[in-house]
């Protein structure tokens, strides 16, 4: 995010004053009503004041998060504060991200999304952000909007195929580089786009070697926290949705709700599956190079 100004201000519809009041109370703000205001709320790190004119001001050390995660999506319905830099870059490009690499159960999903200038504006309008900032339900809804409106490629490796490929590559980053490059090649062929941005997950040379082997004529930029870019954020939503849908499919197929992550609940579920179907089930539902598999 760009350098934060000492005070943020905007103008809102006064019909939203009731919602703002209720939301601030729910978030633990102490409310008051100074002269010429409809309300003023304060809590540690942030204060928010709505004036009779409709002007709203926010300030404090924690104002960034309050604006990005509440005020913009719920009240302002635009993201000109948190995505000010993004708005300046309407260059058509492909964004890439992955999901599921840290989850014992379920697939590894890699997504590449293409957006031109109008598409980038649409992603901004829809409130697209890094998938980690959304609930699973919101991810699936957003993915449902993105898929019919944009060109994209998703590669989803269910555990059986994932484990086979991991046995070949012997390294997760090399496997990821292969999957990202395959998605990139497919989407570039579909769209003719030669510009790509990847949320960097390893040393840049790991992906660059795969791109060179594939002989792709693409200008690839790898950036840490690349999901701050709107197109990469859109790709992160598609990747996460593919992972969630894959988890649901496996859960239904094996008759047990498979937990996300690598927590103790994961071990409990894995033991239940092994008890029910035998140890041969594990490579079909889980990434067996995880320490969890060795412990089981």
Protein backbone atom coordinates (compact mmCIF):
# COMPACT_ATOMS: atom_id res chain seq x y z
CA UNK A 1 0.00 0.00 0.00
CA UNK A 2 1.20 3.54 -0.69
CA UNK A 3 2.40 5.79 2.13
CA UNK A 4 -0.56 6.52 4.35
CA UNK A 5 -1.73 10.13 4.68
CA UNK A 6 -2.23 11.39 8.28
CA UNK A 7 -5.98 11.62 7.73
CA UNK A 8 -8.27 9.98 5.18
CA UNK A 9 -11.48 11.70 4.10
CA UNK A 10 -14.33 10.94 1.70
CA UNK A 11 -18.00 11.77 1.21
CA UNK A 12 -20.73 9.18 1.75
CA UNK A 13 -24.51 8.97 1.42
CA UNK A 14 -26.04 9.97 4.79
CA UNK A 15 -28.50 7.10 4.37
CA UNK A 16 -25.56 4.88 5.41
CA UNK A 17 -25.19 6.60 8.79
CA UNK A 18 -27.29 3.97 10.57
CA UNK A 19 -25.27 1.10 9.14
CA UNK A 20 -22.02 2.88 10.01
CA UNK A 21 -23.16 3.40 13.59
CA UNK A 22 -24.20 -0.22 14.04
CA UNK A 23 -21.01 -1.53 12.44
CA UNK A 24 -18.75 0.68 14.56
CA UNK A 25 -20.52 -0.45 17.73
CA UNK A 26 -20.10 -4.07 16.67
CA UNK A 27 -16.39 -3.46 16.11
CA UNK A 28 -15.94 -2.08 19.62
CA UNK A 29 -15.79 1.65 18.89
CA UNK A 30 -16.80 4.08 21.65
CA UNK A 31 -19.33 6.43 20.06
CA UNK A 32 -19.99 10.10 20.73
CA UNK A 33 -21.62 13.03 18.91
CA UNK A 34 -19.47 16.18 18.82
CA UNK A 35 -20.95 19.39 17.32
CA UNK A 36 -21.63 19.32 13.57
CA UNK A 37 -21.32 15.52 13.43
CA UNK A 38 -23.73 12.62 13.20
CA UNK A 39 -21.32 10.38 15.08
CA UNK A 40 -17.71 9.90 16.05
CA UNK A 41 -16.16 6.56 16.95
CA UNK A 42 -12.86 5.80 18.64
CA UNK A 43 -10.93 2.70 19.60
CA UNK A 44 -7.26 1.87 19.97
CA UNK A 45 -5.37 2.95 16.84
CA UNK A 46 -8.23 4.43 14.83
CA UNK A 47 -10.94 7.09 14.98
CA UNK A 48 -13.77 7.67 12.51
CA UNK A 49 -16.04 10.74 12.31
CA UNK A 50 -19.10 11.32 10.13
CA UNK A 51 -20.09 14.97 9.73
CA UNK A 52 -23.55 16.36 9.01
CA UNK A 53 -22.33 17.27 5.51
CA UNK A 54 -21.69 13.61 4.69
CA UNK A 55 -17.94 13.96 4.98
CA UNK A 56 -16.27 11.05 6.77
CA UNK A 57 -12.74 11.18 8.19
CA UNK A 58 -10.49 8.41 9.48
CA UNK A 59 -7.15 8.71 11.24
CA UNK A 60 -4.82 6.77 13.53
CA UNK A 61 -2.06 4.17 13.32
CA UNK A 62 -4.51 1.37 12.46
CA UNK A 63 -6.48 3.31 9.86
CA UNK A 64 -5.16 1.32 6.88
CA UNK A 65 -6.76 -1.96 7.91
CA UNK A 66 -10.02 -0.26 8.94
CA UNK A 67 -10.30 1.48 5.57
CA UNK A 68 -9.26 -1.49 3.42
CA UNK A 69 -11.24 -4.23 5.15
CA UNK A 70 -14.32 -2.32 6.31
CA UNK A 71 -14.84 1.23 5.05
CA UNK A 72 -14.06 0.61 1.38
CA UNK A 73 -15.95 -2.66 0.80
CA UNK A 74 -18.91 -1.91 3.12
CA UNK A 75 -19.46 1.85 2.90
CA UNK A 76 -17.50 3.50 0.06
CA UNK A 77 -17.88 0.61 -2.42
CA UNK A 78 -14.59 1.58 -4.07
CA UNK A 79 -10.90 0.91 -3.36
CA UNK A 80 -9.11 4.12 -4.24
CA UNK A 81 -7.23 4.23 -0.95
CA UNK A 82 -5.94 0.67 -0.60
CA UNK A 83 -5.38 0.19 -4.34
CA UNK A 84 -4.25 3.68 -5.33
CA UNK A 85 -1.10 2.36 -7.04
CA UNK A 86 -2.96 -0.44 -8.78
CA UNK A 87 -5.34 2.04 -10.38
CA UNK A 88 -2.42 3.63 -12.20
CA UNK A 89 -1.43 0.40 -13.93
CA UNK A 90 -4.01 -0.78 -16.46
CA UNK A 91 -1.45 -2.70 -18.53
CA UNK A 92 -2.98 -5.94 -19.85
CA UNK A 93 -1.25 -8.80 -18.06
CA UNK A 94 -1.47 -12.30 -16.67
CA UNK A 95 -1.35 -12.84 -12.92
CA UNK A 96 -0.50 -16.16 -11.24
CA UNK A 97 -0.87 -17.70 -7.80
CA UNK A 98 -1.42 -21.07 -6.13
CA UNK A 99 -3.38 -22.64 -3.27
CA UNK A 100 -3.20 -25.85 -1.27
CA UNK A 101 0.56 -26.22 -1.01
CA UNK A 102 0.45 -26.02 2.79
CA UNK A 103 -2.58 -28.30 3.19
CA UNK A 104 -2.03 -31.98 3.93
CA UNK A 105 -5.33 -33.02 2.37
CA UNK A 106 -6.59 -31.98 -1.02
CA UNK A 107 -5.18 -30.80 -4.32
CA UNK A 108 -2.54 -28.28 -5.27
CA UNK A 109 -4.16 -25.64 -7.46
CA UNK A 110 -2.36 -23.17 -9.70
CA UNK A 111 -4.20 -20.38 -11.52
CA UNK A 112 -3.29 -17.87 -14.20
CA UNK A 113 -5.70 -15.00 -14.93
CA UNK A 114 -5.62 -12.51 -17.83
CA UNK A 115 -7.07 -9.01 -17.54
CA UNK A 116 -6.88 -5.97 -19.80
CA UNK A 117 -7.53 -2.40 -18.64
CA UNK A 118 -11.31 -2.79 -18.51
CA UNK A 119 -10.93 -6.12 -16.76
CA UNK A 120 -8.64 -4.63 -14.13
CA UNK A 121 -11.24 -1.95 -13.45
CA UNK A 122 -13.85 -4.68 -13.09
CA UNK A 123 -11.70 -6.57 -10.56
CA UNK A 124 -11.33 -3.33 -8.61
CA UNK A 125 -15.08 -2.69 -8.74
CA UNK A 126 -15.78 -6.21 -7.44
CA UNK A 127 -13.48 -5.67 -4.48
CA UNK A 128 -10.99 -8.35 -5.50
CA UNK A 129 -8.12 -8.75 -3.04
CA UNK A 130 -5.74 -11.50 -1.98
CA UNK A 131 -7.76 -14.67 -1.35
CA UNK A 132 -6.41 -14.98 2.21
CA UNK A 133 -8.55 -11.99 3.13
CA UNK A 134 -11.84 -13.67 2.20
CA UNK A 135 -14.00 -16.37 3.75
CA UNK A 136 -14.38 -19.62 1.81
CA UNK A 137 -17.95 -18.65 0.91
CA UNK A 138 -16.84 -15.29 -0.48
CA UNK A 139 -14.02 -16.95 -2.45
CA UNK A 140 -16.48 -19.27 -4.21
CA UNK A 141 -18.87 -16.41 -4.99
CA UNK A 142 -16.10 -14.22 -6.43
CA UNK A 143 -14.70 -17.08 -8.46
CA UNK A 144 -18.19 -17.58 -9.87
CA UNK A 145 -18.12 -14.00 -11.13
CA UNK A 146 -14.56 -14.08 -12.45
CA UNK A 147 -14.70 -17.34 -14.43
CA UNK A 148 -17.31 -16.33 -17.05
CA UNK A 149 -15.90 -12.81 -17.43
CA UNK A 150 -12.16 -13.47 -17.88
CA UNK A 151 -9.71 -15.72 -19.69
CA UNK A 152 -7.93 -17.99 -17.24
CA UNK A 153 -6.21 -21.34 -16.80
CA UNK A 154 -6.38 -23.50 -13.68
CA UNK A 155 -4.22 -26.57 -13.12
CA UNK A 156 -5.46 -28.69 -10.23
CA UNK A 157 -3.37 -31.63 -9.10
CA UNK A 158 -5.32 -34.06 -6.93
CA UNK A 159 -3.19 -36.02 -4.44
CA UNK A 160 -2.67 -39.13 -6.61
CA UNK A 161 -1.22 -37.03 -9.47
CA UNK A 162 0.48 -34.60 -7.08
CA UNK A 163 2.32 -37.43 -5.31
CA UNK A 164 3.37 -38.93 -8.65
CA UNK A 165 4.80 -35.59 -9.80
CA UNK A 166 6.45 -34.88 -6.46
CA UNK A 167 8.20 -38.21 -6.79
CA UNK A 168 9.57 -36.97 -10.12
CA UNK A 169 10.58 -33.46 -9.08
CA UNK A 170 11.64 -34.31 -5.48
CA UNK A 171 11.01 -30.68 -4.56
CA UNK A 172 7.84 -28.64 -4.08
CA UNK A 173 9.21 -25.44 -5.60
CA UNK A 174 10.26 -27.22 -8.79
CA UNK A 175 6.83 -28.83 -8.98
CA UNK A 176 5.19 -25.44 -8.51
CA UNK A 177 7.43 -23.89 -11.17
CA UNK A 178 6.41 -26.61 -13.63
CA UNK A 179 2.69 -26.09 -12.91
CA UNK A 180 2.90 -22.29 -13.12
CA UNK A 181 4.80 -22.46 -16.39
CA UNK A 182 2.24 -24.86 -17.86
CA UNK A 183 -0.61 -22.54 -16.85
CA UNK A 184 1.28 -19.52 -18.17
CA UNK A 185 1.96 -21.17 -21.53
CA UNK A 186 -1.68 -22.17 -21.95
CA UNK A 187 -3.09 -18.75 -21.05
CA UNK A 188 -0.56 -16.89 -23.18
CA UNK A 189 -1.56 -19.04 -26.15
CA UNK A 190 -5.25 -18.31 -25.49
CA UNK A 191 -4.82 -14.54 -25.16
CA UNK A 192 -1.62 -13.62 -26.98
CA UNK A 193 -0.48 -11.79 -23.84
CA UNK A 194 3.29 -11.62 -23.20
CA UNK A 195 3.27 -9.84 -19.82
CA UNK A 196 3.00 -11.88 -16.62
CA UNK A 197 3.29 -11.30 -12.88
CA UNK A 198 3.84 -14.15 -10.42
CA UNK A 199 3.52 -14.10 -6.66
CA UNK A 200 7.11 -15.16 -5.97
CA UNK A 201 7.41 -18.38 -3.93
CA UNK A 202 11.09 -19.32 -4.46
CA UNK A 203 14.33 -18.06 -5.94
CA UNK A 204 13.49 -16.47 -9.28
CA UNK A 205 15.79 -18.86 -11.14
CA UNK A 206 13.53 -21.84 -10.30
CA UNK A 207 10.68 -20.54 -12.48
CA UNK A 208 12.97 -18.87 -15.01
CA UNK A 209 14.54 -22.26 -15.81
CA UNK A 210 11.11 -23.78 -16.50
CA UNK A 211 10.11 -20.83 -18.70
CA UNK A 212 13.38 -21.15 -20.64
CA UNK A 213 12.91 -24.90 -21.10
CA UNK A 214 9.41 -24.28 -22.41
CA UNK A 215 10.86 -21.58 -24.74
CA UNK A 216 8.12 -19.13 -23.77
CA UNK A 217 8.38 -15.65 -25.25
CA UNK A 218 7.02 -13.95 -22.14
CA UNK A 219 8.18 -11.08 -19.95
CA UNK A 220 7.75 -12.59 -16.49
CA UNK A 221 8.04 -10.53 -13.31
CA UNK A 222 8.23 -12.34 -9.97
CA UNK A 223 7.36 -10.27 -6.92
CA UNK A 224 7.14 -11.04 -3.21
CA UNK A 225 3.61 -10.16 -2.03
CA UNK A 226 2.58 -10.19 -5.68
CA UNK A 227 -1.02 -10.75 -4.55
CA UNK A 228 -1.15 -6.99 -3.86
CA UNK A 229 -1.59 -6.71 -7.64
CA UNK A 230 -5.24 -6.97 -8.66
CA UNK A 231 -4.69 -9.52 -11.42
CA UNK A 232 -2.57 -11.76 -9.18
CA UNK A 233 -5.23 -11.36 -6.48
CA UNK A 234 -7.84 -12.51 -8.99
CA UNK A 235 -5.69 -15.54 -9.79
CA UNK A 236 -5.35 -16.28 -6.08
CA UNK A 237 -9.15 -16.40 -5.81
CA UNK A 238 -9.43 -18.83 -8.71
CA UNK A 239 -6.69 -21.04 -7.26
CA UNK A 240 -8.28 -21.03 -3.82
CA UNK A 241 -11.73 -21.79 -5.22
CA UNK A 242 -10.32 -24.74 -7.17
CA UNK A 243 -8.71 -26.03 -3.98
CA UNK A 244 -11.92 -25.67 -1.95
CA UNK A 245 -13.98 -27.40 -4.64
CA UNK A 246 -11.39 -30.18 -4.79
CA UNK A 247 -11.56 -30.63 -1.03
CA UNK A 248 -15.34 -30.91 -1.22
CA UNK A 249 -15.10 -33.51 -3.98
CA UNK A 250 -12.64 -35.65 -2.00
CA UNK A 251 -14.67 -35.30 1.19
CA UNK A 252 -17.79 -36.53 -0.60
CA UNK A 253 -15.93 -39.32 -2.36
CA UNK A 254 -14.44 -40.73 0.84
CA UNK A 255 -17.35 -39.95 3.15
CA UNK A 256 -15.41 -37.80 5.61
CA UNK A 257 -15.05 -34.04 5.98
CA UNK A 258 -11.38 -33.37 5.25
CA UNK A 259 -9.95 -30.48 7.31
CA UNK A 260 -7.79 -27.79 5.71
CA UNK A 261 -4.23 -27.05 6.83
CA UNK A 262 -1.96 -29.39 8.80
CA UNK A 263 -3.39 -29.18 12.32
CA UNK A 264 -4.15 -31.88 14.89
CA UNK A 265 -7.64 -32.15 13.38
CA UNK A 266 -5.98 -33.25 10.16
CA UNK A 267 -4.26 -36.13 11.94
CA UNK A 268 -7.54 -37.19 13.55
CA UNK A 269 -9.26 -37.26 10.16
CA UNK A 270 -6.36 -39.13 8.56
CA UNK A 271 -6.40 -41.81 11.27
CA UNK A 272 -10.17 -42.19 10.82
CA UNK A 273 -9.71 -42.67 7.06
CA UNK A 274 -6.92 -45.21 7.54
CA UNK A 275 -9.00 -47.09 10.10
CA UNK A 276 -11.95 -47.16 7.68
CA UNK A 277 -10.22 -47.80 4.34
CA UNK A 278 -6.68 -48.90 5.14
CA UNK A 279 -3.30 -47.15 4.70
CA UNK A 280 -3.48 -47.27 0.90
CA UNK A 281 -6.08 -44.49 1.00
CA UNK A 282 -3.60 -41.86 2.16
CA UNK A 283 -1.84 -41.18 -1.19
CA UNK A 284 -5.26 -40.69 -2.78
CA UNK A 285 -6.32 -37.89 -0.44
CA UNK A 286 -3.12 -36.37 0.98
CA UNK A 287 0.35 -35.08 0.13
CA UNK A 288 2.48 -37.89 1.45
CA UNK A 289 5.80 -36.01 1.55
CA UNK A 290 4.43 -33.98 4.51
CA UNK A 291 5.81 -34.85 7.94
CA UNK A 292 2.23 -35.60 8.95
CA UNK A 293 2.23 -38.67 6.70
CA UNK A 294 5.46 -39.92 8.27
CA UNK A 295 4.01 -39.45 11.75
CA UNK A 296 0.90 -41.39 10.78
